PDB file of N, CA and C in Angstrom:
ATOM      1  N   MET A   1      34.290 -29.490-163.390  1.00  0.00           N
ATOM      2  CA  MET A   1      32.998 -28.951-163.027  1.00  0.00           C
ATOM      3  C   MET A   1      32.391 -29.729-161.857  1.00  0.00           C
ATOM      4  N   ARG A   2      32.547 -31.056-161.904  1.00  0.00           N
ATOM      5  CA  ARG A   2      32.001 -31.890-160.830  1.00  0.00           C
ATOM      6  C   ARG A   2      32.662 -31.557-159.489  1.00  0.00           C
ATOM      7  N   THR A   3      33.950 -31.290-159.528  1.00  0.00           N
ATOM      8  CA  THR A   3      34.673 -30.932-158.306  1.00  0.00           C
ATOM      9  C   THR A   3      34.106 -29.656-157.709  1.00  0.00           C
ATOM     10  N   LEU A   4      33.871 -28.662-158.530  1.00  0.00           N
ATOM     11  CA  LEU A   4      33.311 -27.399-158.058  1.00  0.00           C
ATOM     12  C   LEU A   4      31.923 -27.599-157.463  1.00  0.00           C
ATOM     13  N   VAL A   5      31.107 -28.410-158.101  1.00  0.00           N
ATOM     14  CA  VAL A   5      29.756 -28.672-157.600  1.00  0.00           C
ATOM     15  C   VAL A   5      29.817 -29.331-156.224  1.00  0.00           C
ATOM     16  N   ILE A   6      30.687 -30.306-156.056  1.00  0.00           N
ATOM     17  CA  ILE A   6      30.792 -30.998-154.765  1.00  0.00           C
ATOM     18  C   ILE A   6      31.299 -30.045-153.685  1.00  0.00           C
ATOM     19  N   ILE A   7      32.262 -29.209-154.007  1.00  0.00           N
ATOM     20  CA  ILE A   7      32.752 -28.227-153.033  1.00  0.00           C
ATOM     21  C   ILE A   7      31.632 -27.268-152.648  1.00  0.00           C
ATOM     22  N   LEU A   8      30.862 -26.803-153.625  1.00  0.00           N
ATOM     23  CA  LEU A   8      29.753 -25.888-153.336  1.00  0.00           C
ATOM     24  C   LEU A   8      28.676 -26.558-152.486  1.00  0.00           C
ATOM     25  N   ILE A   9      28.416 -27.831-152.734  1.00  0.00           N
ATOM     26  CA  ILE A   9      27.468 -28.568-151.894  1.00  0.00           C
ATOM     27  C   ILE A   9      27.984 -28.627-150.461  1.00  0.00           C
ATOM     28  N   GLY A  10      29.254 -28.935-150.289  1.00  0.00           N
ATOM     29  CA  GLY A  10      29.838 -28.973-148.949  1.00  0.00           C
ATOM     30  C   GLY A  10      29.750 -27.631-148.247  1.00  0.00           C
ATOM     31  N   LEU A  11      30.030 -26.561-148.970  1.00  0.00           N
ATOM     32  CA  LEU A  11      29.948 -25.223-148.377  1.00  0.00           C
ATOM     33  C   LEU A  11      28.509 -24.875-148.000  1.00  0.00           C
ATOM     34  N   ALA A  12      27.557 -25.267-148.834  1.00  0.00           N
ATOM     35  CA  ALA A  12      26.150 -24.998-148.524  1.00  0.00           C
ATOM     36  C   ALA A  12      25.698 -25.785-147.296  1.00  0.00           C
ATOM     37  N   VAL A  13      26.117 -27.035-147.206  1.00  0.00           N
ATOM     38  CA  VAL A  13      25.728 -27.866-146.059  1.00  0.00           C
ATOM     39  C   VAL A  13      26.341 -27.329-144.770  1.00  0.00           C
ATOM     40  N   VAL A  14      27.606 -26.976-144.799  1.00  0.00           N
ATOM     41  CA  VAL A  14      28.242 -26.468-143.584  1.00  0.00           C
ATOM     42  C   VAL A  14      27.654 -25.112-143.195  1.00  0.00           C
ATOM     43  N   ALA A  15      27.332 -24.280-144.162  1.00  0.00           N
ATOM     44  CA  ALA A  15      26.714 -22.987-143.850  1.00  0.00           C
ATOM     45  C   ALA A  15      25.342 -23.188-143.217  1.00  0.00           C
ATOM     46  N   ALA A  16      24.560 -24.109-143.758  1.00  0.00           N
ATOM     47  CA  ALA A  16      23.245 -24.388-143.184  1.00  0.00           C
ATOM     48  C   ALA A  16      23.369 -24.960-141.776  1.00  0.00           C
ATOM     49  N   ALA A  17      24.318 -25.852-141.578  1.00  0.00           N
ATOM     50  CA  ALA A  17      24.517 -26.441-140.250  1.00  0.00           C
ATOM     51  C   ALA A  17      24.902 -25.377-139.231  1.00  0.00           C
ATOM     52  N   MET A  18      25.769 -24.469-139.621  1.00  0.00           N
ATOM     53  CA  MET A  18      26.183 -23.401-138.703  1.00  0.00           C
ATOM     54  C   MET A  18      25.041 -22.429-138.438  1.00  0.00           C
ATOM     55  N   TRP A  19      24.244 -22.170-139.448  1.00  0.00           N
ATOM     56  CA  TRP A  19      23.121 -21.251-139.285  1.00  0.00           C
ATOM     57  C   TRP A  19      22.077 -21.839-138.339  1.00  0.00           C
ATOM     58  N   LEU A  20      21.866 -23.149-138.415  1.00  0.00           N
ATOM     59  CA  LEU A  20      20.873 -23.806-137.569  1.00  0.00           C
ATOM     60  C   LEU A  20      21.368 -24.049-136.147  1.00  0.00           C
ATOM     61  N   ALA A  21      22.660 -24.113-135.956  1.00  0.00           N
ATOM     62  CA  ALA A  21      23.221 -24.429-134.638  1.00  0.00           C
ATOM     63  C   ALA A  21      23.272 -23.189-133.751  1.00  0.00           C
ATOM     64  N   LYS A  22      23.110 -23.419-132.466  1.00  0.00           N
ATOM     65  CA  LYS A  22      23.305 -22.336-131.506  1.00  0.00           C
ATOM     66  C   LYS A  22      24.789 -21.997-131.462  1.00  0.00           C
ATOM     67  N   PRO A  23      25.116 -20.729-131.232  1.00  0.00           N
ATOM     68  CA  PRO A  23      26.532 -20.329-131.255  1.00  0.00           C
ATOM     69  C   PRO A  23      27.434 -21.175-130.358  1.00  0.00           C
ATOM     70  N   ALA A  24      26.954 -21.559-129.199  1.00  0.00           N
ATOM     71  CA  ALA A  24      27.788 -22.344-128.285  1.00  0.00           C
ATOM     72  C   ALA A  24      28.066 -23.751-128.816  1.00  0.00           C
ATOM     73  N   LYS A  25      27.218 -24.255-129.682  1.00  0.00           N
ATOM     74  CA  LYS A  25      27.362 -25.617-130.212  1.00  0.00           C
ATOM     75  C   LYS A  25      28.081 -25.667-131.556  1.00  0.00           C
ATOM     76  N   ARG A  26      28.416 -24.529-132.119  1.00  0.00           N
ATOM     77  CA  ARG A  26      29.009 -24.511-133.454  1.00  0.00           C
ATOM     78  C   ARG A  26      30.350 -25.247-133.550  1.00  0.00           C
ATOM     79  N   PRO A  27      31.219 -25.190-132.548  1.00  0.00           N
ATOM     80  CA  PRO A  27      32.447 -26.004-132.657  1.00  0.00           C
ATOM     81  C   PRO A  27      32.155 -27.508-132.763  1.00  0.00           C
ATOM     82  N   GLN A  28      31.179 -27.992-131.992  1.00  0.00           N
ATOM     83  CA  GLN A  28      30.822 -29.408-132.079  1.00  0.00           C
ATOM     84  C   GLN A  28      30.201 -29.728-133.436  1.00  0.00           C
ATOM     85  N   VAL A  29      29.382 -28.813-133.938  1.00  0.00           N
ATOM     86  CA  VAL A  29      28.770 -29.012-135.253  1.00  0.00           C
ATOM     87  C   VAL A  29      29.854 -29.081-136.328  1.00  0.00           C
ATOM     88  N   ALA A  30      30.877 -28.253-136.198  1.00  0.00           N
ATOM     89  CA  ALA A  30      31.977 -28.274-137.171  1.00  0.00           C
ATOM     90  C   ALA A  30      32.684 -29.627-137.158  1.00  0.00           C
ATOM     91  N   TRP A  31      32.899 -30.196-135.976  1.00  0.00           N
ATOM     92  CA  TRP A  31      33.544 -31.507-135.885  1.00  0.00           C
ATOM     93  C   TRP A  31      32.665 -32.600-136.486  1.00  0.00           C
ATOM     94  N   VAL A  32      31.369 -32.564-136.182  1.00  0.00           N
ATOM     95  CA  VAL A  32      30.452 -33.568-136.741  1.00  0.00           C
ATOM     96  C   VAL A  32      30.405 -33.441-138.263  1.00  0.00           C
ATOM     97  N   PHE A  33      30.302 -32.205-138.745  1.00  0.00           N
ATOM     98  CA  PHE A  33      30.299 -31.999-140.191  1.00  0.00           C
ATOM     99  C   PHE A  33      31.575 -32.560-140.813  1.00  0.00           C
ATOM    100  N   ALA A  34      32.722 -32.276-140.203  1.00  0.00           N
ATOM    101  CA  ALA A  34      33.996 -32.746-140.757  1.00  0.00           C
ATOM    102  C   ALA A  34      34.020 -34.273-140.835  1.00  0.00           C
ATOM    103  N   GLY A  35      33.501 -34.941-139.815  1.00  0.00           N
ATOM    104  CA  GLY A  35      33.462 -36.404-139.839  1.00  0.00           C
ATOM    105  C   GLY A  35      32.555 -36.949-140.923  1.00  0.00           C
ATOM    106  N   VAL A  36      31.373 -36.378-141.036  1.00  0.00           N
ATOM    107  CA  VAL A  36      30.427 -36.824-142.061  1.00  0.00           C
ATOM    108  C   VAL A  36      30.959 -36.495-143.454  1.00  0.00           C
ATOM    109  N   TRP A  37      31.541 -35.310-143.598  1.00  0.00           N
ATOM    110  CA  TRP A  37      32.076 -34.904-144.901  1.00  0.00           C
ATOM    111  C   TRP A  37      33.284 -35.764-145.288  1.00  0.00           C
ATOM    112  N   LEU A  38      34.085 -36.162-144.305  1.00  0.00           N
ATOM    113  CA  LEU A  38      35.203 -37.065-144.584  1.00  0.00           C
ATOM    114  C   LEU A  38      34.684 -38.404-145.101  1.00  0.00           C
ATOM    115  N   LEU A  39      33.648 -38.922-144.473  1.00  0.00           N
ATOM    116  CA  LEU A  39      33.061 -40.181-144.930  1.00  0.00           C
ATOM    117  C   LEU A  39      32.542 -40.045-146.364  1.00  0.00           C
ATOM    118  N   ALA A  40      31.841 -38.955-146.648  1.00  0.00           N
ATOM    119  CA  ALA A  40      31.336 -38.729-148.007  1.00  0.00           C
ATOM    120  C   ALA A  40      32.490 -38.605-149.003  1.00  0.00           C
ATOM    121  N   SER A  41      33.550 -37.925-148.607  1.00  0.00           N
ATOM    122  CA  SER A  41      34.712 -37.764-149.489  1.00  0.00           C
ATOM    123  C   SER A  41      35.403 -39.101-149.749  1.00  0.00           C
ATOM    124  N   LEU A  42      35.492 -39.932-148.719  1.00  0.00           N
ATOM    125  CA  LEU A  42      36.112 -41.246-148.895  1.00  0.00           C
ATOM    126  C   LEU A  42      35.279 -42.147-149.805  1.00  0.00           C
ATOM    127  N   LEU A  43      33.962 -42.055-149.680  1.00  0.00           N
ATOM    128  CA  LEU A  43      33.102 -42.830-150.581  1.00  0.00           C
ATOM    129  C   LEU A  43      33.251 -42.347-152.022  1.00  0.00           C
ATOM    130  N   ASN A  44      33.372 -41.049-152.197  1.00  0.00           N
ATOM    131  CA  ASN A  44      33.584 -40.485-153.526  1.00  0.00           C
ATOM    132  C   ASN A  44      34.951 -40.913-154.067  1.00  0.00           C
ATOM    133  N   LEU A  45      35.953 -40.924-153.215  1.00  0.00           N
ATOM    134  CA  LEU A  45      37.284 -41.392-153.611  1.00  0.00           C
ATOM    135  C   LEU A  45      37.225 -42.849-154.056  1.00  0.00           C
ATOM    136  N   ARG A  46      36.530 -43.659-153.298  1.00  0.00           N
ATOM    137  CA  ARG A  46      36.376 -45.077-153.641  1.00  0.00           C
ATOM    138  C   ARG A  46      35.723 -45.237-155.013  1.00  0.00           C
ATOM    139  N   THR A  47      34.717 -44.430-155.279  1.00  0.00           N
ATOM    140  CA  THR A  47      34.050 -44.484-156.582  1.00  0.00           C
ATOM    141  C   THR A  47      35.025 -44.163-157.705  1.00  0.00           C
ATOM    142  N   GLY A  48      35.828 -43.132-157.518  1.00  0.00           N
ATOM    143  CA  GLY A  48      36.820 -42.777-158.530  1.00  0.00           C
ATOM    144  C   GLY A  48      37.833 -43.882-158.755  1.00  0.00           C
ATOM    145  N   LEU A  49      38.267 -44.510-157.672  1.00  0.00           N
ATOM    146  CA  LEU A  49      39.237 -45.601-157.794  1.00  0.00           C
ATOM    147  C   LEU A  49      38.627 -46.808-158.498  1.00  0.00           C
ATOM    148  N   LEU A  50      37.359 -47.084-158.202  1.00  0.00           N
ATOM    149  CA  LEU A  50      36.689 -48.208-158.856  1.00  0.00           C
ATOM    150  C   LEU A  50      36.472 -47.957-160.349  1.00  0.00           C
ATOM    151  N   HIS A  51      36.447 -46.701-160.741  1.00  0.00           N
ATOM    152  CA  HIS A  51      36.277 -46.364-162.156  1.00  0.00           C
ATOM    153  C   HIS A  51      37.611 -46.245-162.892  1.00  0.00           C
ATOM    154  N   GLY A  52      38.695 -46.662-162.253  1.00  0.00           N
ATOM    155  CA  GLY A  52      39.968 -46.760-162.945  1.00  0.00           C
ATOM    156  C   GLY A  52      40.944 -45.619-162.726  1.00  0.00           C
ATOM    157  N   HIS A  53      40.578 -44.625-161.950  1.00  0.00           N
ATOM    158  CA  HIS A  53      41.523 -43.546-161.666  1.00  0.00           C
ATOM    159  C   HIS A  53      42.518 -44.023-160.614  1.00  0.00           C
ATOM    160  N   THR A  54      43.728 -43.502-160.671  1.00  0.00           N
ATOM    161  CA  THR A  54      44.737 -43.892-159.686  1.00  0.00           C
ATOM    162  C   THR A  54      44.597 -43.034-158.436  1.00  0.00           C
ATOM    163  N   LEU A  55      45.162 -43.533-157.347  1.00  0.00           N
ATOM    164  CA  LEU A  55      45.141 -42.775-156.102  1.00  0.00           C
ATOM    165  C   LEU A  55      45.887 -41.457-156.273  1.00  0.00           C
ATOM    166  N   GLY A  56      46.955 -41.472-157.044  1.00  0.00           N
ATOM    167  CA  GLY A  56      47.714 -40.250-157.301  1.00  0.00           C
ATOM    168  C   GLY A  56      46.906 -39.191-158.029  1.00  0.00           C
ATOM    169  N   GLU A  57      45.992 -39.622-158.885  1.00  0.00           N
ATOM    170  CA  GLU A  57      45.114 -38.680-159.583  1.00  0.00           C
ATOM    171  C   GLU A  57      44.012 -38.157-158.671  1.00  0.00           C
ATOM    172  N   GLU A  58      43.470 -39.039-157.869  1.00  0.00           N
ATOM    173  CA  GLU A  58      42.299 -38.708-157.060  1.00  0.00           C
ATOM    174  C   GLU A  58      42.631 -37.959-155.770  1.00  0.00           C
ATOM    175  N   LEU A  59      43.748 -38.281-155.152  1.00  0.00           N
ATOM    176  CA  LEU A  59      44.046 -37.735-153.832  1.00  0.00           C
ATOM    177  C   LEU A  59      44.121 -36.211-153.785  1.00  0.00           C
ATOM    178  N   PRO A  60      44.817 -35.537-154.695  1.00  0.00           N
ATOM    179  CA  PRO A  60      44.854 -34.069-154.613  1.00  0.00           C
ATOM    180  C   PRO A  60      43.469 -33.431-154.749  1.00  0.00           C
ATOM    181  N   ILE A  61      42.654 -34.000-155.610  1.00  0.00           N
ATOM    182  CA  ILE A  61      41.304 -33.464-155.791  1.00  0.00           C
ATOM    183  C   ILE A  61      40.480 -33.679-154.532  1.00  0.00           C
ATOM    184  N   HIS A  62      40.599 -34.844-153.937  1.00  0.00           N
ATOM    185  CA  HIS A  62      39.809 -35.136-152.745  1.00  0.00           C
ATOM    186  C   HIS A  62      40.306 -34.382-151.517  1.00  0.00           C
ATOM    187  N   LEU A  63      41.557 -34.023-151.502  1.00  0.00           N
ATOM    188  CA  LEU A  63      42.028 -33.148-150.421  1.00  0.00           C
ATOM    189  C   LEU A  63      41.320 -31.801-150.497  1.00  0.00           C
ATOM    190  N   LEU A  64      41.113 -31.301-151.696  1.00  0.00           N
ATOM    191  CA  LEU A  64      40.350 -30.058-151.869  1.00  0.00           C
ATOM    192  C   LEU A  64      38.872 -30.268-151.555  1.00  0.00           C
ATOM    193  N   LEU A  65      38.311 -31.377-152.033  1.00  0.00           N
ATOM    194  CA  LEU A  65      36.893 -31.660-151.791  1.00  0.00           C
ATOM    195  C   LEU A  65      36.588 -31.732-150.301  1.00  0.00           C
ATOM    196  N   PHE A  66      37.486 -32.318-149.543  1.00  0.00           N
ATOM    197  CA  PHE A  66      37.287 -32.392-148.099  1.00  0.00           C
ATOM    198  C   PHE A  66      37.739 -31.115-147.413  1.00  0.00           C
ATOM    199  N   GLY A  67      38.901 -30.628-147.778  1.00  0.00           N
ATOM    200  CA  GLY A  67      39.538 -29.550-147.031  1.00  0.00           C
ATOM    201  C   GLY A  67      38.825 -28.219-147.084  1.00  0.00           C
ATOM    202  N   ILE A  68      38.350 -27.814-148.236  1.00  0.00           N
ATOM    203  CA  ILE A  68      37.724 -26.493-148.346  1.00  0.00           C
ATOM    204  C   ILE A  68      36.470 -26.396-147.481  1.00  0.00           C
ATOM    205  N   PRO A  69      35.494 -27.317-147.596  1.00  0.00           N
ATOM    206  CA  PRO A  69      34.323 -27.214-146.715  1.00  0.00           C
ATOM    207  C   PRO A  69      34.657 -27.432-145.230  1.00  0.00           C
ATOM    208  N   ALA A  70      35.586 -28.345-144.936  1.00  0.00           N
ATOM    209  CA  ALA A  70      35.943 -28.586-143.532  1.00  0.00           C
ATOM    210  C   ALA A  70      36.603 -27.355-142.915  1.00  0.00           C
ATOM    211  N   LEU A  71      37.506 -26.720-143.645  1.00  0.00           N
ATOM    212  CA  LEU A  71      38.132 -25.490-143.144  1.00  0.00           C
ATOM    213  C   LEU A  71      37.120 -24.359-143.029  1.00  0.00           C
ATOM    214  N   ALA A  72      36.176 -24.302-143.947  1.00  0.00           N
ATOM    215  CA  ALA A  72      35.124 -23.285-143.856  1.00  0.00           C
ATOM    216  C   ALA A  72      34.287 -23.503-142.600  1.00  0.00           C
ATOM    217  N   GLY A  73      33.987 -24.751-142.283  1.00  0.00           N
ATOM    218  CA  GLY A  73      33.234 -25.049-141.063  1.00  0.00           C
ATOM    219  C   GLY A  73      33.993 -24.655-139.815  1.00  0.00           C
ATOM    220  N   TRP A  74      35.266 -24.972-139.795  1.00  0.00           N
ATOM    221  CA  TRP A  74      36.098 -24.592-138.647  1.00  0.00           C
ATOM    222  C   TRP A  74      36.136 -23.073-138.506  1.00  0.00           C
ATOM    223  N   TRP A  75      36.336 -22.378-139.637  1.00  0.00           N
ATOM    224  CA  TRP A  75      36.421 -20.917-139.611  1.00  0.00           C
ATOM    225  C   TRP A  75      35.092 -20.313-139.151  1.00  0.00           C
ATOM    226  N   LEU A  76      33.975 -20.805-139.674  1.00  0.00           N
ATOM    227  CA  LEU A  76      32.670 -20.280-139.266  1.00  0.00           C
ATOM    228  C   LEU A  76      32.408 -20.533-137.785  1.00  0.00           C
ATOM    229  N   ALA A  77      32.799 -21.696-137.298  1.00  0.00           N
ATOM    230  CA  ALA A  77      32.587 -22.009-135.880  1.00  0.00           C
ATOM    231  C   ALA A  77      33.367 -21.050-134.997  1.00  0.00           C
ATOM    232  N   ARG A  78      34.588 -20.748-135.372  1.00  0.00           N
ATOM    233  CA  ARG A  78      35.410 -19.833-134.571  1.00  0.00           C
ATOM    234  C   ARG A  78      34.947 -18.390-134.717  1.00  0.00           C
ATOM    235  N   LYS A  79      34.536 -18.013-135.901  1.00  0.00           N
ATOM    236  CA  LYS A  79      34.166 -16.629-136.186  1.00  0.00           C
ATOM    237  C   LYS A  79      32.836 -16.249-135.542  1.00  0.00           C
ATOM    238  N   THR A  80      31.911 -17.187-135.451  1.00  0.00           N
ATOM    239  CA  THR A  80      30.549 -16.852-135.042  1.00  0.00           C
ATOM    240  C   THR A  80      30.187 -17.278-133.627  1.00  0.00           C
ATOM    241  N   ARG A  81      31.097 -17.901-132.913  1.00  0.00           N
ATOM    242  CA  ARG A  81      30.733 -18.316-131.552  1.00  0.00           C
ATOM    243  C   ARG A  81      30.748 -17.115-130.617  1.00  0.00           C
ATOM    244  N   ARG A  82      29.948 -17.220-129.597  1.00  0.00           N
ATOM    245  CA  ARG A  82      29.905 -16.151-128.595  1.00  0.00           C
ATOM    246  C   ARG A  82      30.974 -16.398-127.563  1.00  0.00           C
ATOM    247  N   ARG A  83      31.537 -15.337-127.078  1.00  0.00           N
ATOM    248  CA  ARG A  83      32.601 -15.470-126.070  1.00  0.00           C
ATOM    249  C   ARG A  83      32.056 -15.279-124.689  1.00  0.00           C
TER     250      ARG A  83
END
């Protein structure tokens, strides 16, 4: 359940960022979001490791936690930019 909540938070943040950004700036916003979201994901990974989970347990989950919102940001940036 926690994984789903974090993914939904990431999707909401990236959607809000894209909505607030001008179409020409959306690719840059996607990159900034990906960097910030990666940092948040790494901090979350660190927390899991400090609580006794192994890297093998945490890594697949964190790939989803980072990847789904980051890919959504990339897709939104490409889909909504003006040509």
